Each structure stands twice: as structure tokens, then as C-alpha cells.
Amino acid sequence: MSDPRRHLPAVDAVLAEPDVTALLAAHPRSLVVRAVRDTIDHARADGGTTPPQGWGAAVGARVQQLAAPSLLPVINATGVVLHTNLGRAPLARAAREAMTRIAAGYSNLEYDLARGARGSRHALCRDLLVELTGAEDAIVLNNAAGALLVALSALARDGEAIVSRGELVEIGGAFRIPDIMARSGATLVEVGTTNRTHLTDYEGAVTERTKLLLKVHRSNFQVTGFTAEVSAQEIAGVARARGGSVASVYDLGSGLLTDLSPWGLSGEPTVAEALASGMDAVAFSGDKLLGGPQAGILLGTREAIALCRKDPLARAVRSDKFTLAALEATLALYREPETSRREIPVLRMLTEDVTEIRRRGEALQKGVGKEAELIEGESEVGGGSFPGAKLKTWLVALHPQHLGPNALAERLRGGAPPVIARIVDDHVVLDPLTIFADELESVARAVRTALDA
């Protein structure tokens, strides 16, 4: 019997199909040719079976897949405000507009308009950060790990850096403090135990090779039980006692500029508190509680930040023009506390009255129909911020009779736009906490489509 794969058409033959030829008018030839090759390869892998919908339709579907962008906007219906997998902080309108404005043409990224000569991107955002925090100096890098890497390289290279064993946190599930330390050229010295570290542990570990004492805020986990840790103020005091030969760095993590305790969120140190501890440098993220773009921000003394600015690694992890534009616009909103809480999405969600969340939940329930139920629930801040804290919310629970939760969640993810939900007690739930008002209709329509498919 002849192998059906021998009778598959050649690429040129499929390209001559009327439906495929029409695709060449709307798409680059290279894209259509690749789609044709992929479609033929798929048919070959299927034993030589002709696509049931025909060659033209199969190639057209493959063209659409290849032409679609891989980075897509999604609707966050999980209720996790700083969802790392979904890009963490959504940007304020002012930040989005700033990025668009800078993207449209050239900018003074590294050009001093007053002198008419080369400038430094490290000057951008610096004055605003100093104004808002009271720090002596500031520098912006591409992310928090990069900021810590530069600080360790500039202040501890070829020497020892001391850190509590209980503060060796993971970043992104794999990148750990020891990894950053190794790349900075500093030697890691661990003190204390996983649960308990005392001031005497630091004092006893300082030697002539010690260049830096590191304090890391455990932002993505909690240690409970019989525990002890050394405060940033105490660590800074040990460093100062060495007469300037030892620096101190505080890896703060989330970068909280606004005190959120009036809204029931406490335990996360603010940037102001970190600076008040007397640490030489403080590092934190721009896309967590600050509510801006991904960035690593270093604040501190003039001497410490000057060394960081001159370090060769600062160029390797420098920020681009879009990050700096969005960060500057976000920081400017902090000049007015009420404006920042209203305009910065992260702050708005974390300080929103639960009655407003319920109102959106009721609208979503009505839009979905009889298979939806509004129930009380809890969510979380996410992004390694306020670990253990729960946010009161209202959930729209879906109860389809013919579809399991995993299958329904998959259908929602496959929609346009994709809706990312979570499963609670074997039911798909949608959390209005992180669903914006102008997204409610899209979510309701996506759910109805998924249920009727």
C-alpha cells in the first residue's frame, strides 16, 4: 500500500490555492510560506491526512497564530493585586501617556539640554526621588535584583558581606541572595540561624575583610515561632562603629512610599522608615507597592550612591527610556497623597472600600446570569508584599452544571481577551478587586461565551 505521506502537496502547490494566494495580499510572503510548511508538516505527522477544513483554511488558521503577538493584555480576575506572572503593577494613566510620548520620537535620555552636551540617564528621576523620600541621592536601575547587585559590587567587591541566614530569600523562585553576592565579587558570610539572629552575631562576624552588612526584608515569606532578628537601625550602628570602613545596605523589597496601615495593611516597612534607620543604601522595586514600572531603585548617602553610579555594573543594568518616563510620571503623582491613591491602580485597589468591590461584583454577577453567585471572600496583595495579609473582597463564583472548574478556567484563558481566574472550593471564582470597571462587560461576555461553547 502506498504511503499517504508521499502524496502530500508541495509548498508551491499549496501557495497556488486561491485562499492561500489571497493571504499573500495581507501578510508577508515569508510568514505565509512558513504557515504552509507548518501545515504540511502537521499533515505529515498525522500520517499524511489532508486537513479536514481544507488546505486554505488550515493555512489561514496557522497564519493567524503566527501573526498574533506573544505578549498579550489579559484581565486579572484572580484578586491578587501584584500578580508577578501577570506583570505586577498596572500603570497609572500618566505613566502610560509618558511612555507613549517618549516612544514617538527622540528624547534627552543622555543629553544635557542646558549645556548642549552629553548627559547621564542616572540624573533622570533622581531629584524627584530625593524630594519624595528625603534621601541624599538616588539612582534607578532595571530591576531590584540589579539594584542590589550594583550596591554589593560597588560597596563590597573583593571583601566580605555579612547577612543573616534567615534572610537568604529567593527571588523569582530561583535567583537567591547568594547568587547575587557571587556575581558582585563579594564573599558571603552567613550569621545566625534560620529562625534566630542576634546583634552579637553581626558584631562577632566583622573582620578586617568585612566591607558590608546586608539587611534583607523577608517580603515573600514569614518566619513564625521562637524567632529573633536584628533591626536595620542596629545593623547600621554596627557598620558606623567601624569608622567608615564598613557600609550597610537594606534590601527593602516592595518600595512602599505610602503608609497603608489606615486600611488594615501593616508590617511592611516604608521607604522613609528604611532611610531613617541610618543605612547607607536602600534598594527596592518600582513595580510592586510603589505602583510603577519594573525598576530597581537605590537611595542613600551621597558617598554610597556615587560609588554605585560609577560601578561598571551600573551600565549593564541601567534603565531604558520607557522605564524612566513611566517611573517619573508615577513618582510625580505621590506629591499629592489623595491623587496617588486615586490615580495609581495598585494604591487604589489596596485602599478601596469593600462596598465598591461588592458593587462591581453585583454588576458582574448580573452580566453572567443564573450560573453565577456572589459570595464573600479573601484575596492577597501578592508580589512578595505584606505576606500573610488578607484583603476582604466579594467573589463571583461560577456553578456550571456541565463543565468542570479546570475546563472552564482553560476556556476563559483561551478567550479574547484572556481572563485569568482562580479556583476556590472546586469552583471558578472571579474577583472584582482586580477587575477594572471598564473590564466588567468584557469579563461577563467571556464567561457567557465559555459557558455556551
Protein backbone atom coordinates (compact mmCIF):
# COMPACT_ATOMS: atom_id res chain seq x y z
CA MET A 1 0.00 0.00 0.00
CA SER A 2 1.35 3.44 -0.92
CA ASP A 3 2.27 5.72 1.99
CA PRO A 4 -0.28 8.65 2.03
CA ARG A 5 2.52 10.99 3.05
CA ARG A 6 4.04 10.59 -0.41
CA HIS A 7 1.01 12.31 -1.93
CA LEU A 8 1.13 15.46 0.19
CA PRO A 9 1.28 18.59 -2.00
CA ALA A 10 4.43 20.63 -2.47
CA VAL A 11 4.75 24.06 -0.90
CA ASP A 12 4.29 25.83 -4.26
CA ALA A 13 1.13 23.84 -4.92
CA VAL A 14 -0.43 24.95 -1.64
CA LEU A 15 0.67 28.54 -2.25
CA ALA A 16 -1.26 28.40 -5.55
CA GLU A 17 -4.52 27.58 -3.71
CA PRO A 18 -6.88 30.61 -4.16
CA ASP A 19 -7.44 31.05 -0.39
CA VAL A 20 -3.68 30.91 0.27
CA THR A 21 -2.86 33.29 -2.59
CA ALA A 22 -5.29 35.77 -1.02
CA LEU A 23 -3.31 35.61 2.23
CA LEU A 24 -0.23 36.92 0.39
CA ALA A 25 -2.01 40.23 -0.18
CA ALA A 26 -2.42 40.81 3.56
CA HIS A 27 0.66 39.16 5.07
CA PRO A 28 4.41 38.97 4.36
CA ARG A 29 5.26 36.18 1.92
CA SER A 30 7.78 34.69 4.38
CA LEU A 31 5.04 34.35 7.01
CA VAL A 32 2.63 32.63 4.62
CA VAL A 33 5.34 30.29 3.36
CA ARG A 34 6.17 29.30 6.92
CA ALA A 35 2.48 28.68 7.63
CA VAL A 36 2.26 26.46 4.55
CA ARG A 37 5.32 24.46 5.60
CA ASP A 38 3.97 24.07 9.14
CA THR A 39 0.59 22.90 7.84
CA ILE A 40 2.19 20.34 5.55
CA ASP A 41 4.46 19.15 8.37
CA HIS A 42 1.43 18.74 10.63
CA ALA A 43 -0.34 16.69 7.96
CA ARG A 44 2.77 14.55 7.53
CA ALA A 45 2.96 13.93 11.28
CA ASP A 46 -0.74 12.95 11.12
CA GLY A 47 0.05 10.15 8.70
CA GLY A 48 -0.48 12.17 5.54
CA THR A 49 -4.08 13.13 6.30
CA THR A 50 -5.36 16.19 4.45
CA PRO A 51 -6.62 18.91 6.87
CA PRO A 52 -10.38 18.31 7.31
CA GLN A 53 -11.13 22.01 6.78
CA GLY A 54 -9.05 22.11 3.60
CA TRP A 55 -5.57 23.45 2.86
CA GLY A 56 -6.64 27.08 2.51
CA ALA A 57 -8.47 27.24 5.84
CA ALA A 58 -5.72 25.32 7.66
CA VAL A 59 -3.01 27.60 6.32
CA GLY A 60 -5.12 30.67 7.16
CA ALA A 61 -5.53 29.50 10.76
CA ARG A 62 -1.80 28.93 11.04
CA VAL A 63 -1.07 32.39 9.63
CA GLN A 64 -3.28 33.92 12.32
CA GLN A 65 -1.41 32.01 15.01
CA LEU A 66 1.98 33.09 13.71
CA ALA A 67 0.94 36.71 13.21
CA ALA A 68 -0.54 37.11 16.70
CA PRO A 69 1.71 38.81 19.29
CA SER A 70 3.01 36.56 22.04
CA LEU A 71 2.70 39.25 24.73
CA LEU A 72 -1.00 39.93 25.25
CA PRO A 73 -3.09 42.05 27.59
CA VAL A 74 -5.10 39.88 29.99
CA ILE A 75 -7.80 40.55 32.56
CA ASN A 76 -6.71 39.74 36.09
CA ALA A 77 -9.72 38.20 37.80
CA THR A 78 -7.63 36.42 40.45
CA GLY A 79 -7.84 39.19 43.04
CA VAL A 80 -4.06 39.13 43.53
CA VAL A 81 -3.14 42.80 43.16
CA LEU A 82 0.57 42.35 42.42
CA HIS A 83 0.44 39.18 40.36
CA THR A 84 4.03 38.51 39.28
CA ASN A 85 3.01 36.20 36.42
CA LEU A 86 0.66 38.87 35.09
CA GLY A 87 3.20 41.71 35.13
CA ARG A 88 2.73 43.03 38.66
CA ALA A 89 1.64 46.67 38.89
CA PRO A 90 -0.64 48.06 36.17
CA LEU A 91 0.47 51.58 35.33
CA ALA A 92 -1.32 54.83 36.03
CA ARG A 93 -2.69 56.75 33.07
CA ALA A 94 0.01 59.40 33.49
CA ALA A 95 2.73 56.74 33.27
CA ARG A 96 1.21 55.20 30.14
CA GLU A 97 0.95 58.60 28.49
CA ALA A 98 4.55 59.41 29.38
CA MET A 99 5.79 56.20 27.73
CA THR A 100 3.77 56.93 24.58
CA ARG A 101 5.09 60.48 24.43
CA ILE A 102 8.71 59.35 24.68
CA ALA A 103 8.20 56.45 22.22
CA ALA A 104 7.01 58.79 19.46
CA GLY A 105 10.42 60.32 18.77
CA TYR A 106 13.80 61.21 20.20
CA SER A 107 14.40 62.26 23.81
CA ASN A 108 17.06 63.79 26.03
CA LEU A 109 17.84 60.41 27.58
CA GLU A 110 21.57 61.12 27.78
CA TYR A 111 21.71 64.71 26.57
CA ASP A 112 22.06 67.80 28.76
CA LEU A 113 19.81 70.43 27.17
CA ALA A 114 21.31 73.27 29.22
CA ARG A 115 24.93 72.52 28.29
CA GLY A 116 24.28 71.13 24.84
CA ALA A 117 26.48 68.14 25.64
CA ARG A 118 26.31 64.53 26.72
CA GLY A 119 24.31 63.96 29.89
CA SER A 120 23.54 61.00 32.13
CA ARG A 121 20.34 58.99 32.33
CA HIS A 122 21.13 58.49 36.02
CA ALA A 123 20.15 62.14 36.57
CA LEU A 124 16.59 61.37 35.46
CA CYS A 125 14.16 60.72 38.34
CA ARG A 126 16.95 61.49 40.83
CA ASP A 127 15.65 64.88 42.03
CA LEU A 128 12.08 63.61 42.33
CA LEU A 129 13.17 60.60 44.40
CA VAL A 130 15.22 62.85 46.67
CA GLU A 131 12.27 65.23 47.04
CA LEU A 132 9.78 62.48 47.93
CA THR A 133 11.98 60.42 50.27
CA GLY A 134 14.49 62.83 51.80
CA ALA A 135 17.40 60.66 50.67
CA GLU A 136 20.67 62.40 49.85
CA ASP A 137 20.97 60.76 46.45
CA ALA A 138 19.29 58.20 44.19
CA ILE A 139 19.85 56.05 41.13
CA VAL A 140 17.44 53.94 39.06
CA LEU A 141 18.42 50.54 37.61
CA ASN A 142 16.45 47.98 35.59
CA ASN A 143 15.10 45.91 38.50
CA ALA A 144 15.53 45.32 42.23
CA ALA A 145 17.96 42.43 41.78
CA GLY A 146 20.05 44.67 39.54
CA ALA A 147 20.00 47.45 42.14
CA LEU A 148 21.19 45.07 44.85
CA LEU A 149 23.85 43.67 42.51
CA VAL A 150 25.24 47.15 41.85
CA ALA A 151 25.19 48.06 45.55
CA LEU A 152 27.10 44.92 46.51
CA SER A 153 29.56 45.34 43.65
CA ALA A 154 30.24 48.98 44.46
CA LEU A 155 30.43 48.62 48.23
CA ALA A 156 31.65 45.07 48.92
CA ARG A 157 33.65 43.79 45.93
CA ASP A 158 36.75 41.79 46.93
CA GLY A 159 35.58 41.78 50.52
CA GLU A 160 33.06 40.10 52.78
CA ALA A 161 29.36 40.90 53.03
CA ILE A 162 27.55 39.69 56.13
CA VAL A 163 23.88 38.67 56.05
CA SER A 164 21.55 36.80 58.37
CA ARG A 165 20.98 33.18 57.37
CA GLY A 166 17.25 33.74 57.89
CA GLU A 167 17.24 36.48 55.24
CA LEU A 168 18.65 34.50 52.31
CA VAL A 169 15.47 34.99 50.32
CA GLU A 170 14.66 33.65 46.88
CA ILE A 171 13.83 35.97 44.01
CA GLY A 172 11.52 34.54 41.37
CA GLY A 173 11.72 31.08 42.90
CA ALA A 174 15.34 30.51 41.90
CA PHE A 175 17.56 33.60 41.99
CA ARG A 176 18.81 33.88 45.57
CA ILE A 177 20.85 36.37 47.56
CA PRO A 178 23.95 34.12 47.38
CA ASP A 179 23.71 34.18 43.57
CA ILE A 180 23.69 37.98 43.53
CA MET A 181 26.53 38.03 46.02
CA ALA A 182 28.66 35.74 43.87
CA ARG A 183 28.17 37.90 40.79
CA SER A 184 29.03 41.08 42.67
CA GLY A 185 32.52 39.86 43.58
CA ALA A 186 31.75 39.84 47.30
CA THR A 187 32.20 36.89 49.63
CA LEU A 188 29.07 35.83 51.50
CA VAL A 189 29.28 35.42 55.27
CA GLU A 190 26.16 33.98 56.93
CA VAL A 191 25.38 34.61 60.58
CA GLY A 192 22.72 33.33 62.96
CA THR A 193 20.28 30.54 62.21
CA THR A 194 17.20 30.32 60.03
CA ASN A 195 14.98 31.41 62.92
CA ARG A 196 17.22 33.49 65.16
CA THR A 197 19.89 36.11 64.58
CA HIS A 198 21.22 38.44 67.28
CA LEU A 199 23.23 41.64 67.23
CA THR A 200 26.22 39.82 68.69
CA ASP A 201 26.23 37.55 65.62
CA TYR A 202 26.96 40.53 63.41
CA GLU A 203 29.45 42.09 65.80
CA GLY A 204 31.36 38.82 66.16
CA ALA A 205 31.50 38.21 62.39
CA VAL A 206 33.04 41.55 61.42
CA THR A 207 36.71 41.21 60.42
CA GLU A 208 39.26 43.28 58.52
CA ARG A 209 37.87 41.81 55.30
CA THR A 210 34.31 42.90 56.05
CA LYS A 211 33.09 45.59 53.69
CA LEU A 212 29.33 45.45 54.03
CA LEU A 213 26.46 44.44 56.31
CA LEU A 214 23.29 43.46 54.47
CA LYS A 215 19.75 43.58 55.83
CA VAL A 216 17.09 41.83 53.70
CA HIS A 217 13.40 42.35 54.37
CA ARG A 218 11.63 38.98 54.17
CA SER A 219 8.92 40.24 51.88
CA ASN A 220 7.76 36.93 50.39
CA PHE A 221 7.57 34.69 53.47
CA GLN A 222 7.16 34.77 57.23
CA VAL A 223 9.16 33.06 59.96
CA THR A 224 6.97 32.25 62.97
CA GLY A 225 7.52 30.73 66.39
CA PHE A 226 10.53 31.48 68.58
CA THR A 227 12.34 33.93 66.32
CA ALA A 228 14.76 36.83 66.61
CA GLU A 229 16.12 39.25 64.07
CA VAL A 230 18.33 42.31 64.13
CA SER A 231 16.79 45.64 63.14
CA ALA A 232 18.12 47.77 60.31
CA GLN A 233 18.98 50.51 62.81
CA GLU A 234 21.12 48.13 64.87
CA ILE A 235 22.93 46.84 61.78
CA ALA A 236 23.61 50.40 60.61
CA GLY A 237 25.05 51.14 64.05
CA VAL A 238 27.48 48.21 63.82
CA ALA A 239 28.64 49.46 60.42
CA ARG A 240 29.13 53.05 61.62
CA ALA A 241 31.14 51.82 64.58
CA ARG A 242 33.81 50.65 62.14
CA GLY A 243 34.65 54.24 61.26
CA GLY A 244 33.53 54.22 57.64
CA SER A 245 35.30 51.04 56.56
CA VAL A 246 32.06 49.03 56.53
CA ALA A 247 28.95 50.00 54.58
CA SER A 248 25.35 48.93 55.21
CA VAL A 249 22.65 48.10 52.66
CA TYR A 250 18.94 47.43 53.21
CA ASP A 251 17.21 45.32 50.56
CA LEU A 252 13.71 46.57 51.25
CA GLY A 253 11.84 44.75 48.50
CA SER A 254 8.47 46.33 47.80
CA GLY A 255 9.16 50.06 47.94
CA LEU A 256 6.19 51.28 49.97
CA LEU A 257 6.03 55.09 49.87
CA THR A 258 2.58 55.43 51.48
CA ASP A 259 1.61 54.19 54.94
CA LEU A 260 -1.26 51.76 54.35
CA SER A 261 -1.96 50.93 58.00
CA PRO A 262 -5.18 53.04 58.00
CA TRP A 263 -6.51 50.47 55.52
CA GLY A 264 -5.52 47.48 57.65
CA LEU A 265 -2.19 46.76 55.96
CA SER A 266 0.73 46.89 58.36
CA GLY A 267 4.07 45.19 58.90
CA GLU A 268 5.68 46.27 55.65
CA PRO A 269 8.43 48.88 56.29
CA THR A 270 8.11 52.08 54.31
CA VAL A 271 10.95 53.65 52.36
CA ALA A 272 11.01 56.52 54.86
CA GLU A 273 11.44 54.10 57.77
CA ALA A 274 14.23 52.27 55.96
CA LEU A 275 16.12 55.50 55.32
CA ALA A 276 15.59 56.65 58.91
CA SER A 277 17.39 53.52 60.11
CA GLY A 278 20.68 55.06 59.05
CA MET A 279 21.54 52.50 56.36
CA ASP A 280 23.98 53.75 53.72
CA ALA A 281 21.82 52.47 50.86
CA VAL A 282 18.24 51.17 50.47
CA ALA A 283 17.14 49.10 47.45
CA PHE A 284 13.57 48.36 46.33
CA SER A 285 11.35 47.60 43.33
CA GLY A 286 9.45 50.07 41.22
CA ASP A 287 6.67 47.71 40.10
CA LYS A 288 5.41 46.48 43.45
CA LEU A 289 3.80 48.66 46.12
CA LEU A 290 5.19 51.79 44.51
CA GLY A 291 2.88 51.03 41.58
CA GLY A 292 5.22 51.94 38.73
CA PRO A 293 7.19 50.12 36.03
CA GLN A 294 9.75 47.39 36.63
CA ALA A 295 12.77 49.16 38.06
CA GLY A 296 15.34 48.88 40.81
CA ILE A 297 15.71 52.00 42.93
CA LEU A 298 18.71 52.75 45.11
CA LEU A 299 18.53 55.53 47.67
CA GLY A 300 21.16 56.51 50.21
CA THR A 301 24.06 58.71 51.17
CA ARG A 302 25.89 60.77 48.57
CA GLU A 303 29.03 58.71 49.04
CA ALA A 304 27.32 55.34 48.67
CA ILE A 305 25.20 56.26 45.64
CA ALA A 306 28.18 57.95 43.95
CA LEU A 307 30.10 54.68 44.19
CA CYS A 308 27.10 52.79 42.81
CA ARG A 309 26.76 55.24 39.93
CA LYS A 310 30.43 54.77 38.98
CA ASP A 311 30.39 50.97 39.24
CA PRO A 312 30.80 49.24 35.83
CA LEU A 313 27.78 47.01 36.51
CA ALA A 314 25.54 50.09 36.68
CA ARG A 315 25.77 50.35 32.91
CA ALA A 316 24.93 46.68 32.43
CA VAL A 317 21.68 47.01 34.38
CA ARG A 318 20.75 50.58 33.50
CA SER A 319 17.13 51.54 32.85
CA ASP A 320 15.74 52.35 29.42
CA LYS A 321 13.87 55.50 28.41
CA PHE A 322 10.42 53.93 28.77
CA THR A 323 11.08 52.82 32.35
CA LEU A 324 12.40 56.24 33.33
CA ALA A 325 9.47 58.04 31.69
CA ALA A 326 6.87 55.84 33.41
CA LEU A 327 8.65 55.97 36.76
CA GLU A 328 8.95 59.75 36.73
CA ALA A 329 5.25 60.14 35.93
CA THR A 330 4.32 57.68 38.70
CA LEU A 331 6.51 59.39 41.27
CA ALA A 332 5.05 62.79 40.40
CA LEU A 333 1.62 61.54 41.49
CA TYR A 334 2.97 60.99 45.01
CA ARG A 335 3.28 64.74 45.54
CA GLU A 336 -0.42 64.68 46.43
CA PRO A 337 -1.42 61.68 48.63
CA GLU A 338 -5.05 61.72 47.51
CA THR A 339 -4.03 61.90 43.88
CA SER A 340 -1.66 58.97 44.23
CA ARG A 341 -4.34 56.77 45.85
CA ARG A 342 -6.83 57.69 43.16
CA GLU A 343 -4.59 57.51 40.09
CA ILE A 344 -2.13 54.69 40.87
CA PRO A 345 -4.05 51.42 40.31
CA VAL A 346 -2.21 49.43 43.00
CA LEU A 347 -2.90 52.00 45.70
CA ARG A 348 -6.49 52.41 44.53
CA MET A 349 -7.14 48.67 44.81
CA LEU A 350 -5.45 48.32 48.20
CA THR A 351 -7.38 51.22 49.71
CA GLU A 352 -10.74 50.67 48.02
CA ASP A 353 -13.85 50.33 50.15
CA VAL A 354 -15.19 46.78 50.07
CA THR A 355 -18.68 48.11 49.27
CA GLU A 356 -17.37 49.34 45.93
CA ILE A 357 -15.89 45.91 45.25
CA ARG A 358 -19.28 44.39 46.02
CA ARG A 359 -20.97 46.81 43.62
CA ARG A 360 -18.72 45.63 40.78
CA GLY A 361 -19.33 42.04 41.85
CA GLU A 362 -23.09 42.51 41.65
CA ALA A 363 -22.78 44.02 38.18
CA LEU A 364 -20.61 41.10 37.06
CA GLN A 365 -22.98 38.52 38.55
CA LYS A 366 -25.90 40.12 36.73
CA GLY A 367 -23.94 40.16 33.48
CA VAL A 368 -23.06 36.45 33.74
CA GLY A 369 -26.55 35.24 34.63
CA LYS A 370 -28.08 32.46 36.69
CA GLU A 371 -24.94 30.30 36.89
CA ALA A 372 -23.12 32.95 38.96
CA GLU A 373 -23.30 33.55 42.72
CA LEU A 374 -21.89 36.46 44.75
CA ILE A 375 -20.05 35.35 47.90
CA GLU A 376 -17.71 36.92 50.44
CA GLY A 377 -14.05 36.04 50.10
CA GLU A 378 -10.44 36.98 50.61
CA SER A 379 -7.56 37.81 48.36
CA GLU A 380 -3.96 38.96 48.80
CA VAL A 381 -1.55 41.71 47.89
CA GLY A 382 0.94 39.43 46.11
CA GLY A 383 4.30 40.35 44.64
CA GLY A 384 6.16 39.46 47.81
CA SER A 385 4.39 42.24 49.74
CA PHE A 386 2.55 42.05 53.06
CA PRO A 387 3.00 38.26 53.35
CA GLY A 388 0.09 36.66 55.19
CA ALA A 389 -2.17 39.71 54.85
CA LYS A 390 -5.69 39.04 53.56
CA LEU A 391 -7.85 41.51 51.67
CA LYS A 392 -11.61 41.43 52.11
CA THR A 393 -13.42 41.05 48.81
CA TRP A 394 -16.51 39.69 47.10
CA LEU A 395 -16.23 36.81 44.64
CA VAL A 396 -18.41 35.85 41.71
CA ALA A 397 -18.48 32.05 41.91
CA LEU A 398 -19.46 30.16 38.76
CA HIS A 399 -21.61 27.00 39.02
CA PRO A 400 -21.99 25.46 35.56
CA GLN A 401 -23.78 22.13 35.57
CA HIS A 402 -21.98 20.70 32.55
CA LEU A 403 -18.39 21.92 32.93
CA GLY A 404 -15.64 21.24 35.47
CA PRO A 405 -13.62 24.09 37.01
CA ASN A 406 -10.36 23.29 35.22
CA ALA A 407 -12.05 23.12 31.83
CA LEU A 408 -13.89 26.39 32.46
CA ALA A 409 -10.71 28.16 33.61
CA GLU A 410 -8.98 26.92 30.45
CA ARG A 411 -11.75 28.29 28.24
CA LEU A 412 -11.53 31.66 29.96
CA ARG A 413 -7.76 31.75 29.43
CA GLY A 414 -8.28 30.98 25.75
CA GLY A 415 -10.70 33.83 25.16
CA ALA A 416 -10.12 37.24 23.65
CA PRO A 417 -9.11 38.90 25.87
CA PRO A 418 -7.88 36.09 28.12
CA VAL A 419 -9.49 36.13 31.57
CA ILE A 420 -7.32 34.70 34.35
CA ALA A 421 -9.44 33.35 37.21
CA ARG A 422 -8.75 31.19 40.26
CA ILE A 423 -10.39 28.08 41.64
CA VAL A 424 -11.77 28.06 45.20
CA ASP A 425 -13.58 25.08 46.72
CA ASP A 426 -13.78 23.40 43.31
CA HIS A 427 -15.42 26.42 41.67
CA VAL A 428 -14.03 29.04 39.32
CA VAL A 429 -14.28 32.44 41.00
CA LEU A 430 -13.83 35.93 39.61
CA ASP A 431 -12.57 38.61 41.98
CA PRO A 432 -13.78 42.16 41.20
CA LEU A 433 -10.95 43.53 43.36
CA THR A 434 -8.61 43.38 40.37
CA ILE A 435 -11.18 43.72 37.59
CA PHE A 436 -11.39 47.33 36.45
CA ALA A 437 -14.80 48.89 35.92
CA ASP A 438 -14.36 49.14 32.15
CA GLU A 439 -13.49 45.41 32.02
CA LEU A 440 -16.69 44.12 33.63
CA GLU A 441 -18.65 43.82 30.39
CA SER A 442 -15.76 42.00 28.68
CA VAL A 443 -15.47 39.54 31.56
CA ALA A 444 -19.21 38.84 31.62
CA ARG A 445 -19.21 38.26 27.86
CA ALA A 446 -16.16 35.99 28.12
CA VAL A 447 -17.84 33.89 30.81
CA ARG A 448 -21.07 33.57 28.83
CA THR A 449 -19.09 32.51 25.78
CA ALA A 450 -17.12 29.94 27.78
CA LEU A 451 -20.28 28.50 29.33
CA ASP A 452 -22.10 28.28 25.98
CA ALA A 453 -19.18 26.82 23.99
